[in-house]
Amino acid sequence: GKLPFDGETPIAVALKHLQAEPLQPKAIKPDIPKGVNDIIMKAIRKDQSQRYQTAQDFLNDLRRVLVEPAGGFFADELEQEDSPTKKMVALGEEITEEDEDLAKKKNGRNSNKKSEKLTFSLAVITSVLIVGVLAYFIVVKILMPFLSGGDESEFIVGYYIGKNIEEVKKEIPAGIEYQIDETVNEAPAGQVVDQYPEQGKPIKYEGNNPIRLTVSKGPALVTIVDLTGEKKGEAERILRYDFGLIPKAEEVFDDLIPIGHVVRTEPEAGEQVEPGSEVLVYVSKGPEIKTVLVPNLIGLTQEEADQAIIDAGLAKGKIFPEEGRYYGEKIVKQSPQPGEEVNEGTPVDIYFSDKVNVDYVLQYPDPMYYGDIVDIYVEITPSDTGKTEVLMEDIVSRIDFPLVLKIPVPYGGTTKTKVFMDQKLEDSFTIDEKGNVTYDR
């Protein structure tokens, strides 16, 4: 828009309001109809009495100019001059002293009137500015659609494709109906992807033909499949190539799912996501391994030891010697050792003796050298103590052979054994807890 007057300072603008005539709108925009031009010029007349006196008068002319844009229906009013009527002296008539005095008084009164007019004009400057803004609104919002060939009862459809539906709703005025259809589309959810009518088409207010807007619901969703128990590589292949998703693996502890297999996904199976979404695949790395300290079981009974093992998160192991019953007897050895740090669930073996009796079969020697009765003497040296002990010293009849010797062997160790018959060394060997024998000769 353009203001009626402009200047370098507010005072310069005010003086132009008092002394200058505003430039007619047609001089700025020649294609403005004459009727519109006349309405604006009348609305900003300097003399208040020559402007519109009521809003109804203003509205009547606006309605009339829509029918008669060429104007001319109040041109005579705009051509009247705002000037006082002067008395003309007849030819040949003499001017007397009284006439001169009367003229001076009239001139004085005219000067006072000019001063009053100046004050009044300053007071209405603000009104003129407001009228100018109003005139701009009338031309742009009311008359221009008419001048461009439109109809005040019609709305010109805009271009809505690519905009968000909420933004489009704000652009459509009240009185214009619209219909929204949703569709699966690659465009983001909420974006208008099609419209009818097309841009520039007029539609009537309160009409029966709404604007049809097709709005994207976003791409077709993908349903997450259940991959529990699948191998990691196979699960990633299915997600990536069968469903167009992006797998991301993360290892977790799990007591049931084998190592390297899928425990679960996030989003979970059955949920729907957009193509190209990231799916977190949780892969088992086996049960979580915790370490515990082995309790001291030495000196406890079997029942006491069993409870201590369970309380520590360990498992009951073997009992040695295996063939015995040990109600009330005390444990003399354990494995693992007291205070040792082991994985949770590790079995603990207990010993009610620190040695195991290993059978060794002693055959009757060559009859050429021995009689029916033989003097037997057996000595042993366990590896845990290194001390030599007598295992047997007895006279044995020939008919008692073969003779079974129970040689005590320390767990995890060996026992050096020597067998004498009739004071002669018959056998010398080393035996372990499993009965393996190594002879010295």
Protein backbone atom coordinates (compact mmCIF):
# COMPACT_ATOMS: atom_id res chain seq x y z
CA GLY A 1 0.00 0.00 0.00
CA LYS A 2 0.96 3.66 -0.24
CA LEU A 3 0.14 6.47 2.24
CA PRO A 4 -1.60 9.65 0.98
CA PHE A 5 1.39 11.80 2.02
CA ASP A 6 5.00 11.13 2.99
CA GLY A 7 7.84 13.36 4.19
CA GLU A 8 11.16 13.37 5.96
CA THR A 9 9.62 14.37 9.32
CA PRO A 10 6.19 14.03 10.97
CA ILE A 11 5.78 17.85 10.76
CA ALA A 12 6.40 17.79 7.01
CA VAL A 13 3.73 15.09 6.65
CA ALA A 14 1.28 17.12 8.78
CA LEU A 15 1.79 20.25 6.66
CA LYS A 16 1.05 18.26 3.52
CA HIS A 17 -2.19 17.06 5.11
CA LEU A 18 -3.16 20.77 5.55
CA GLN A 19 -1.86 22.30 2.37
CA ALA A 20 -1.62 19.63 -0.34
CA GLU A 21 -4.17 17.52 -2.17
CA PRO A 22 -3.49 13.73 -2.02
CA LEU A 23 -2.58 11.92 -5.21
CA GLN A 24 -5.55 10.04 -6.61
CA PRO A 25 -5.24 6.20 -6.50
CA LYS A 26 -5.72 6.04 -10.31
CA ALA A 27 -2.52 8.03 -10.72
CA ILE A 28 -0.66 5.24 -8.85
CA LYS A 29 -2.58 2.22 -10.23
CA PRO A 30 -4.34 3.17 -13.49
CA ASP A 31 -6.40 -0.04 -13.62
CA ILE A 32 -8.37 0.86 -10.46
CA PRO A 33 -12.02 1.51 -11.49
CA LYS A 34 -13.17 5.12 -11.37
CA GLY A 35 -15.87 4.29 -8.82
CA VAL A 36 -13.31 2.85 -6.41
CA ASN A 37 -11.08 5.87 -6.96
CA ASP A 38 -13.97 8.25 -6.16
CA ILE A 39 -14.94 6.37 -2.98
CA ILE A 40 -11.38 6.64 -1.64
CA MET A 41 -11.10 10.35 -2.51
CA LYS A 42 -14.42 11.14 -0.86
CA ALA A 43 -13.45 9.20 2.25
CA ILE A 44 -10.29 11.33 2.73
CA ARG A 45 -11.73 14.81 1.93
CA LYS A 46 -10.23 17.54 4.10
CA ASP A 47 -13.63 19.01 4.92
CA GLN A 48 -15.41 16.65 7.28
CA SER A 49 -18.79 17.73 5.97
CA GLN A 50 -17.85 16.45 2.50
CA ARG A 51 -16.83 12.95 3.75
CA TYR A 52 -19.21 10.09 4.45
CA GLN A 53 -21.42 11.07 7.36
CA THR A 54 -22.56 7.56 8.29
CA ALA A 55 -21.26 4.02 7.88
CA GLN A 56 -24.46 3.17 6.04
CA ASP A 57 -23.67 5.80 3.38
CA PHE A 58 -20.20 4.29 2.98
CA LEU A 59 -21.62 0.76 2.70
CA ASN A 60 -24.24 1.83 0.14
CA ASP A 61 -21.56 3.25 -2.18
CA LEU A 62 -19.43 0.10 -1.78
CA ARG A 63 -22.36 -2.05 -2.84
CA ARG A 64 -23.15 0.28 -5.72
CA VAL A 65 -19.57 0.30 -7.02
CA LEU A 66 -19.71 -3.48 -7.33
CA VAL A 67 -22.50 -2.99 -9.86
CA GLU A 68 -21.20 0.24 -11.44
CA PRO A 69 -17.39 0.07 -11.16
CA ALA A 70 -17.01 2.84 -13.76
CA GLY A 71 -18.37 5.28 -11.16
CA GLY A 72 -19.73 8.69 -12.04
CA PHE A 73 -22.63 8.43 -9.61
CA PHE A 74 -21.34 11.19 -7.31
CA ALA A 75 -18.75 12.96 -9.43
CA ASP A 76 -20.43 16.39 -9.07
CA GLU A 77 -19.90 16.28 -5.31
CA LEU A 78 -16.17 15.71 -5.72
CA GLU A 79 -15.84 18.63 -8.14
CA GLN A 80 -17.24 21.23 -5.71
CA GLU A 81 -14.60 23.67 -4.44
CA ASP A 82 -14.09 24.23 -0.78
CA SER A 83 -13.99 28.08 -1.06
CA PRO A 84 -16.02 30.95 0.54
CA THR A 85 -18.56 32.92 -1.55
CA LYS A 86 -17.34 36.47 -2.34
CA LYS A 87 -19.61 39.51 -2.85
CA MET A 88 -18.96 41.16 -6.27
CA VAL A 89 -19.12 44.96 -6.65
CA ALA A 90 -21.34 46.19 -9.47
CA LEU A 91 -19.69 48.18 -12.25
CA GLY A 92 -19.74 51.91 -11.65
CA GLU A 93 -20.65 51.61 -8.01
CA GLU A 94 -18.42 53.61 -5.64
CA ILE A 95 -16.84 52.09 -2.59
CA THR A 96 -17.50 54.22 0.50
CA GLU A 97 -15.54 54.43 3.76
CA GLU A 98 -18.23 52.40 5.46
CA ASP A 99 -17.86 49.71 2.86
CA GLU A 100 -14.09 49.57 3.45
CA ASP A 101 -14.55 49.22 7.23
CA LEU A 102 -17.09 46.51 6.68
CA ALA A 103 -14.70 44.68 4.38
CA LYS A 104 -11.91 44.82 6.98
CA LYS A 105 -14.17 43.33 9.63
CA LYS A 106 -15.17 40.56 7.26
CA ASN A 107 -11.52 39.86 6.47
CA GLY A 108 -10.81 39.62 10.21
CA ARG A 109 -13.59 37.16 10.61
CA ASN A 110 -12.24 35.18 7.64
CA SER A 111 -8.78 35.03 9.29
CA ASN A 112 -10.30 33.67 12.47
CA LYS A 113 -12.14 31.07 10.43
CA LYS A 114 -8.87 30.01 8.77
CA SER A 115 -7.25 29.59 12.18
CA GLU A 116 -10.15 27.46 13.35
CA LYS A 117 -9.94 25.40 10.18
CA LEU A 118 -6.23 24.79 10.78
CA THR A 119 -6.88 23.49 14.29
CA PHE A 120 -9.67 21.30 13.05
CA SER A 121 -7.51 19.86 10.26
CA LEU A 122 -4.78 18.90 12.70
CA ALA A 123 -7.34 17.12 14.80
CA VAL A 124 -8.55 15.00 11.93
CA ILE A 125 -5.10 13.91 10.66
CA THR A 126 -5.40 10.69 12.66
CA SER A 127 -8.89 10.13 11.24
CA VAL A 128 -7.53 10.53 7.71
CA LEU A 129 -4.87 7.90 8.35
CA ILE A 130 -7.44 5.48 9.70
CA VAL A 131 -9.64 6.07 6.67
CA GLY A 132 -6.63 5.38 4.42
CA VAL A 133 -6.03 2.01 6.08
CA LEU A 134 -9.73 1.22 5.78
CA ALA A 135 -9.65 2.12 2.09
CA TYR A 136 -6.72 -0.25 1.56
CA PHE A 137 -8.62 -3.06 3.25
CA ILE A 138 -11.67 -2.42 1.10
CA VAL A 139 -9.69 -2.44 -2.14
CA VAL A 140 -7.58 -5.52 -1.36
CA LYS A 141 -10.04 -7.68 0.52
CA ILE A 142 -13.38 -6.73 -1.05
CA LEU A 143 -12.95 -5.11 -4.43
CA MET A 144 -9.90 -6.85 -5.90
CA PRO A 145 -11.56 -10.27 -6.05
CA PHE A 146 -14.42 -8.65 -7.93
CA LEU A 147 -12.09 -6.79 -10.30
CA SER A 148 -10.20 -10.00 -11.06
CA GLY A 149 -13.38 -11.60 -12.31
CA GLY A 150 -14.30 -13.41 -9.06
CA ASP A 151 -17.50 -13.49 -7.10
CA GLU A 152 -17.88 -12.48 -3.47
CA SER A 153 -19.83 -15.69 -2.90
CA GLU A 154 -16.94 -17.81 -4.21
CA PHE A 155 -13.60 -18.99 -2.78
CA ILE A 156 -10.53 -19.56 -4.96
CA VAL A 157 -8.92 -22.92 -4.15
CA GLY A 158 -5.24 -22.74 -3.16
CA TYR A 159 -2.40 -25.20 -3.69
CA TYR A 160 -2.31 -27.59 -0.73
CA ILE A 161 -0.21 -30.56 -1.92
CA GLY A 162 2.93 -31.00 0.18
CA LYS A 163 1.54 -29.08 3.14
CA ASN A 164 0.57 -30.51 6.51
CA ILE A 165 -3.18 -30.99 6.86
CA GLU A 166 -3.31 -28.85 10.00
CA GLU A 167 -1.76 -25.96 8.08
CA VAL A 168 -4.26 -26.41 5.23
CA LYS A 169 -7.22 -26.34 7.64
CA LYS A 170 -6.16 -22.85 8.73
CA GLU A 171 -6.06 -21.65 5.09
CA ILE A 172 -9.61 -22.76 4.30
CA PRO A 173 -12.11 -20.11 5.53
CA ALA A 174 -15.32 -20.75 7.42
CA GLY A 175 -18.19 -21.63 5.14
CA ILE A 176 -16.03 -23.76 2.83
CA GLU A 177 -16.44 -27.47 3.46
CA TYR A 178 -13.62 -29.94 3.01
CA GLN A 179 -13.33 -33.73 3.07
CA ILE A 180 -10.23 -35.66 4.18
CA ASP A 181 -9.34 -39.09 2.78
CA GLU A 182 -6.35 -40.99 4.20
CA THR A 183 -4.07 -43.23 2.17
CA VAL A 184 -0.85 -45.21 2.61
CA ASN A 185 1.93 -43.23 0.99
CA GLU A 186 5.69 -42.72 1.13
CA ALA A 187 5.10 -39.10 2.19
CA PRO A 188 5.22 -38.31 5.94
CA ALA A 189 2.03 -38.92 7.89
CA GLY A 190 -0.27 -35.87 7.82
CA GLN A 191 1.00 -34.46 4.51
CA VAL A 192 -1.49 -33.63 1.73
CA VAL A 193 -0.63 -35.70 -1.36
CA ASP A 194 -3.61 -34.87 -3.61
CA GLN A 195 -6.48 -32.38 -3.85
CA TYR A 196 -9.66 -31.69 -5.81
CA PRO A 197 -10.47 -29.20 -7.22
CA GLU A 198 -7.05 -28.06 -8.41
CA GLN A 199 -5.48 -24.73 -7.54
CA GLY A 200 -7.29 -21.62 -8.84
CA LYS A 201 -10.73 -23.20 -9.20
CA PRO A 202 -13.61 -21.21 -7.60
CA ILE A 203 -16.09 -22.89 -5.29
CA LYS A 204 -19.14 -21.34 -3.64
CA TYR A 205 -19.52 -20.73 0.06
CA GLU A 206 -22.00 -23.08 1.72
CA GLY A 207 -21.94 -25.14 -1.49
CA ASN A 208 -22.43 -28.86 -1.94
CA ASN A 209 -19.00 -29.53 -3.45
CA PRO A 210 -16.38 -29.73 -0.67
CA ILE A 211 -12.64 -29.57 -1.24
CA ARG A 212 -11.35 -33.17 -1.21
CA LEU A 213 -7.94 -33.55 0.39
CA THR A 214 -6.01 -36.85 0.27
CA VAL A 215 -3.71 -37.09 3.31
CA SER A 216 -0.83 -39.55 3.76
CA LYS A 217 -0.95 -42.03 6.63
CA GLY A 218 2.74 -42.67 6.04
CA PRO A 219 4.33 -45.78 4.47
CA ALA A 220 2.77 -49.23 4.90
CA LEU A 221 3.69 -50.62 8.33
CA VAL A 222 5.71 -53.82 8.86
CA THR A 223 4.72 -56.37 11.53
CA ILE A 224 7.64 -57.67 13.62
CA VAL A 225 7.87 -61.48 13.45
CA ASP A 226 8.75 -63.69 16.41
CA LEU A 227 12.47 -64.52 16.14
CA THR A 228 12.93 -66.10 19.58
CA GLY A 229 15.43 -68.97 19.39
CA GLU A 230 16.68 -68.09 15.90
CA LYS A 231 20.42 -67.86 15.35
CA LYS A 232 21.71 -64.30 15.35
CA GLY A 233 22.77 -64.28 11.68
CA GLU A 234 19.50 -65.77 10.44
CA ALA A 235 17.42 -63.30 12.46
CA GLU A 236 19.39 -60.36 11.03
CA ARG A 237 18.92 -61.68 7.49
CA ILE A 238 15.15 -62.01 7.92
CA LEU A 239 14.75 -58.50 9.30
CA ARG A 240 17.00 -56.84 6.74
CA TYR A 241 16.09 -58.61 3.50
CA ASP A 242 12.56 -59.94 4.09
CA PHE A 243 11.10 -56.90 5.85
CA GLY A 244 13.38 -53.96 5.00
CA LEU A 245 14.29 -53.27 8.62
CA ILE A 246 17.62 -52.42 10.23
CA PRO A 247 18.71 -55.00 12.86
CA LYS A 248 21.01 -54.02 15.71
CA ALA A 249 22.30 -56.84 17.94
CA GLU A 250 22.95 -56.60 21.66
CA GLU A 251 24.12 -59.46 23.90
CA VAL A 252 22.31 -60.29 27.16
CA PHE A 253 22.54 -63.03 29.82
CA ASP A 254 19.87 -65.72 29.63
CA ASP A 255 19.50 -68.95 31.56
CA LEU A 256 17.42 -70.77 28.91
CA ILE A 257 18.29 -69.55 25.39
CA PRO A 258 21.54 -71.04 23.98
CA ILE A 259 24.48 -68.74 23.36
CA GLY A 260 24.23 -66.90 20.01
CA HIS A 261 20.45 -67.29 19.69
CA VAL A 262 17.75 -64.58 19.85
CA VAL A 263 16.16 -63.97 23.24
CA ARG A 264 13.70 -61.24 22.13
CA THR A 265 13.38 -58.14 19.94
CA GLU A 266 12.47 -54.55 20.58
CA PRO A 267 9.88 -53.64 19.28
CA GLU A 268 8.39 -56.96 20.33
CA ALA A 269 6.90 -59.55 18.00
CA GLY A 270 3.50 -58.46 16.68
CA GLU A 271 4.17 -54.72 16.86
CA GLN A 272 4.08 -52.62 13.68
CA VAL A 273 6.81 -50.23 12.52
CA GLU A 274 7.62 -48.19 9.42
CA PRO A 275 9.93 -49.71 6.79
CA GLY A 276 13.56 -48.83 7.48
CA SER A 277 13.01 -48.73 11.25
CA GLU A 278 15.72 -50.01 13.58
CA VAL A 279 14.99 -53.25 15.47
CA LEU A 280 17.03 -54.15 18.54
CA VAL A 281 17.84 -57.88 18.59
CA TYR A 282 18.79 -59.27 22.01
CA VAL A 283 21.15 -62.26 21.63
CA SER A 284 21.91 -64.72 24.45
CA LYS A 285 25.43 -64.96 25.85
CA GLY A 286 24.41 -67.74 28.24
CA PRO A 287 23.67 -67.65 31.97
CA GLU A 288 25.24 -64.89 33.97
CA ILE A 289 28.32 -66.32 35.73
CA LYS A 290 28.72 -65.27 39.35
CA THR A 291 31.61 -66.24 41.60
CA VAL A 292 31.32 -67.28 45.25
CA LEU A 293 33.72 -68.25 48.03
CA VAL A 294 33.89 -71.91 49.05
CA PRO A 295 32.90 -72.37 52.73
CA ASN A 296 35.10 -74.30 55.18
CA LEU A 297 33.60 -77.78 55.62
CA ILE A 298 36.42 -79.36 57.63
CA GLY A 299 35.10 -80.78 60.92
CA LEU A 300 31.45 -80.73 59.80
CA THR A 301 29.14 -83.73 59.48
CA GLN A 302 27.72 -84.64 56.10
CA GLU A 303 24.34 -83.03 56.90
CA GLU A 304 25.99 -79.79 58.04
CA ALA A 305 28.24 -79.72 54.99
CA ASP A 306 25.30 -80.25 52.58
CA GLN A 307 23.44 -77.21 54.00
CA ALA A 308 26.54 -75.00 53.89
CA ILE A 309 27.16 -75.95 50.25
CA ILE A 310 23.57 -75.04 49.23
CA ASP A 311 23.62 -71.74 51.16
CA ALA A 312 26.80 -70.71 49.33
CA GLY A 313 25.21 -71.27 45.91
CA LEU A 314 27.34 -74.32 45.19
CA ALA A 315 26.48 -77.91 44.31
CA LYS A 316 27.07 -81.12 46.26
CA GLY A 317 29.87 -83.19 44.74
CA LYS A 318 31.19 -86.67 45.52
CA ILE A 319 31.71 -88.27 48.93
CA PHE A 320 34.90 -90.16 49.72
CA PRO A 321 35.39 -92.95 50.50
CA GLU A 322 32.47 -93.80 48.23
CA GLU A 323 31.55 -97.16 49.75
CA GLY A 324 31.00 -96.01 53.31
CA ARG A 325 28.27 -94.44 55.40
CA TYR A 326 29.34 -91.54 57.54
CA TYR A 327 26.55 -90.57 59.88
CA GLY A 328 28.08 -88.44 62.62
CA GLU A 329 31.60 -88.67 61.21
CA LYS A 330 33.58 -85.49 60.55
CA ILE A 331 34.91 -84.27 57.23
CA VAL A 332 38.70 -84.29 57.05
CA LYS A 333 39.17 -82.91 53.55
CA GLN A 334 37.29 -81.00 50.82
CA SER A 335 37.75 -79.92 47.22
CA PRO A 336 37.80 -77.04 46.24
CA GLN A 337 39.66 -75.72 49.27
CA PRO A 338 38.04 -73.38 51.83
CA GLY A 339 38.08 -69.71 50.76
CA GLU A 340 38.70 -70.46 47.09
CA GLU A 341 36.72 -68.28 44.62
CA VAL A 342 34.78 -70.42 42.14
CA ASN A 343 31.82 -70.03 39.76
CA GLU A 344 28.36 -70.29 41.24
CA GLY A 345 27.07 -73.87 41.03
CA THR A 346 30.51 -75.52 41.22
CA PRO A 347 30.30 -79.00 42.88
CA VAL A 348 32.19 -79.50 46.19
CA ASP A 349 33.63 -82.94 47.07
CA ILE A 350 33.96 -83.98 50.73
CA TYR A 351 36.21 -86.59 52.33
CA PHE A 352 35.69 -88.43 55.58
CA SER A 353 39.18 -89.93 55.17
CA ASP A 354 42.19 -88.41 53.52
CA LYS A 355 43.06 -91.74 51.92
CA VAL A 356 41.34 -94.37 49.83
CA ASN A 357 41.90 -98.10 50.20
CA VAL A 358 43.05 -99.58 46.91
CA ASP A 359 42.94 -103.36 46.45
CA TYR A 360 46.13 -105.15 45.47
CA VAL A 361 46.05 -108.94 44.85
CA LEU A 362 49.07 -110.83 46.21
CA GLN A 363 49.64 -114.22 44.52
CA TYR A 364 51.30 -117.23 46.10
CA PRO A 365 54.95 -117.29 45.10
CA ASP A 366 56.81 -120.10 43.39
CA PRO A 367 56.29 -123.34 45.46
CA MET A 368 59.90 -124.29 44.80
CA TYR A 369 60.94 -121.56 47.19
CA TYR A 370 58.14 -121.51 49.78
CA GLY A 371 56.39 -124.08 51.87
CA ASP A 372 52.75 -124.42 52.89
CA ILE A 373 53.05 -121.58 55.38
CA VAL A 374 54.54 -118.17 54.51
CA ASP A 375 55.56 -115.31 56.77
CA ILE A 376 54.09 -112.09 55.17
CA TYR A 377 55.37 -108.58 56.01
CA VAL A 378 54.07 -105.44 54.12
CA GLU A 379 55.22 -101.89 54.63
CA ILE A 380 53.86 -98.73 52.96
CA THR A 381 55.00 -95.12 52.54
CA PRO A 382 52.16 -92.73 51.56
CA SER A 383 53.21 -89.74 49.45
CA ASP A 384 51.33 -87.22 51.60
CA THR A 385 53.28 -88.00 54.79
CA GLY A 386 56.45 -89.71 53.52
CA LYS A 387 56.39 -91.89 56.64
CA THR A 388 56.83 -95.66 56.39
CA GLU A 389 54.14 -97.73 58.14
CA VAL A 390 53.54 -101.47 58.60
CA LEU A 391 50.44 -102.51 56.73
CA MET A 392 50.60 -106.26 57.48
CA GLU A 393 52.66 -108.70 59.49
CA ASP A 394 51.24 -112.21 59.59
CA ILE A 395 51.77 -115.96 58.85
CA VAL A 396 49.53 -117.05 56.02
CA SER A 397 48.68 -120.56 54.84
CA ARG A 398 49.19 -121.47 51.25
CA ILE A 399 45.50 -122.19 50.84
CA ASP A 400 44.64 -118.50 51.72
CA PHE A 401 46.19 -117.25 48.51
CA PRO A 402 45.57 -115.21 46.47
CA LEU A 403 45.60 -112.61 49.24
CA VAL A 404 43.92 -109.17 48.81
CA LEU A 405 45.81 -106.27 50.36
CA LYS A 406 43.93 -102.99 50.98
CA ILE A 407 46.60 -100.36 50.53
CA PRO A 408 45.66 -96.84 51.77
CA VAL A 409 46.51 -94.27 49.06
CA PRO A 410 46.16 -90.51 49.71
CA TYR A 411 43.66 -88.77 47.40
CA GLY A 412 45.58 -87.31 44.52
CA GLY A 413 48.77 -89.12 45.62
CA THR A 414 50.48 -92.53 45.67
CA THR A 415 51.74 -95.14 48.14
CA LYS A 416 55.11 -96.87 47.93
CA THR A 417 54.63 -100.55 48.88
CA LYS A 418 57.08 -103.36 49.70
CA VAL A 419 56.04 -107.02 50.25
CA PHE A 420 58.33 -109.41 52.13
CA MET A 421 57.81 -113.22 52.26
CA ASP A 422 59.84 -115.22 54.72
CA GLN A 423 62.04 -112.13 55.17
CA LYS A 424 62.78 -111.90 51.43
CA LEU A 425 61.62 -108.92 49.29
CA GLU A 426 59.03 -110.34 46.92
CA ASP A 427 57.39 -107.20 45.43
CA SER A 428 58.19 -103.45 45.37
CA PHE A 429 55.80 -101.08 43.57
CA THR A 430 54.00 -97.73 43.67
CA ILE A 431 50.19 -97.61 43.49
CA ASP A 432 47.83 -94.63 42.99
CA GLU A 433 44.22 -94.08 44.12
CA LYS A 434 42.86 -95.60 40.93
CA GLY A 435 44.83 -98.84 41.39
CA ASN A 436 47.48 -98.20 38.76
CA VAL A 437 50.69 -100.04 39.74
CA THR A 438 54.24 -99.21 38.76
CA TYR A 439 56.77 -101.89 39.70
CA ASP A 440 60.28 -101.09 40.74
CA ARG A 441 61.80 -104.15 39.04
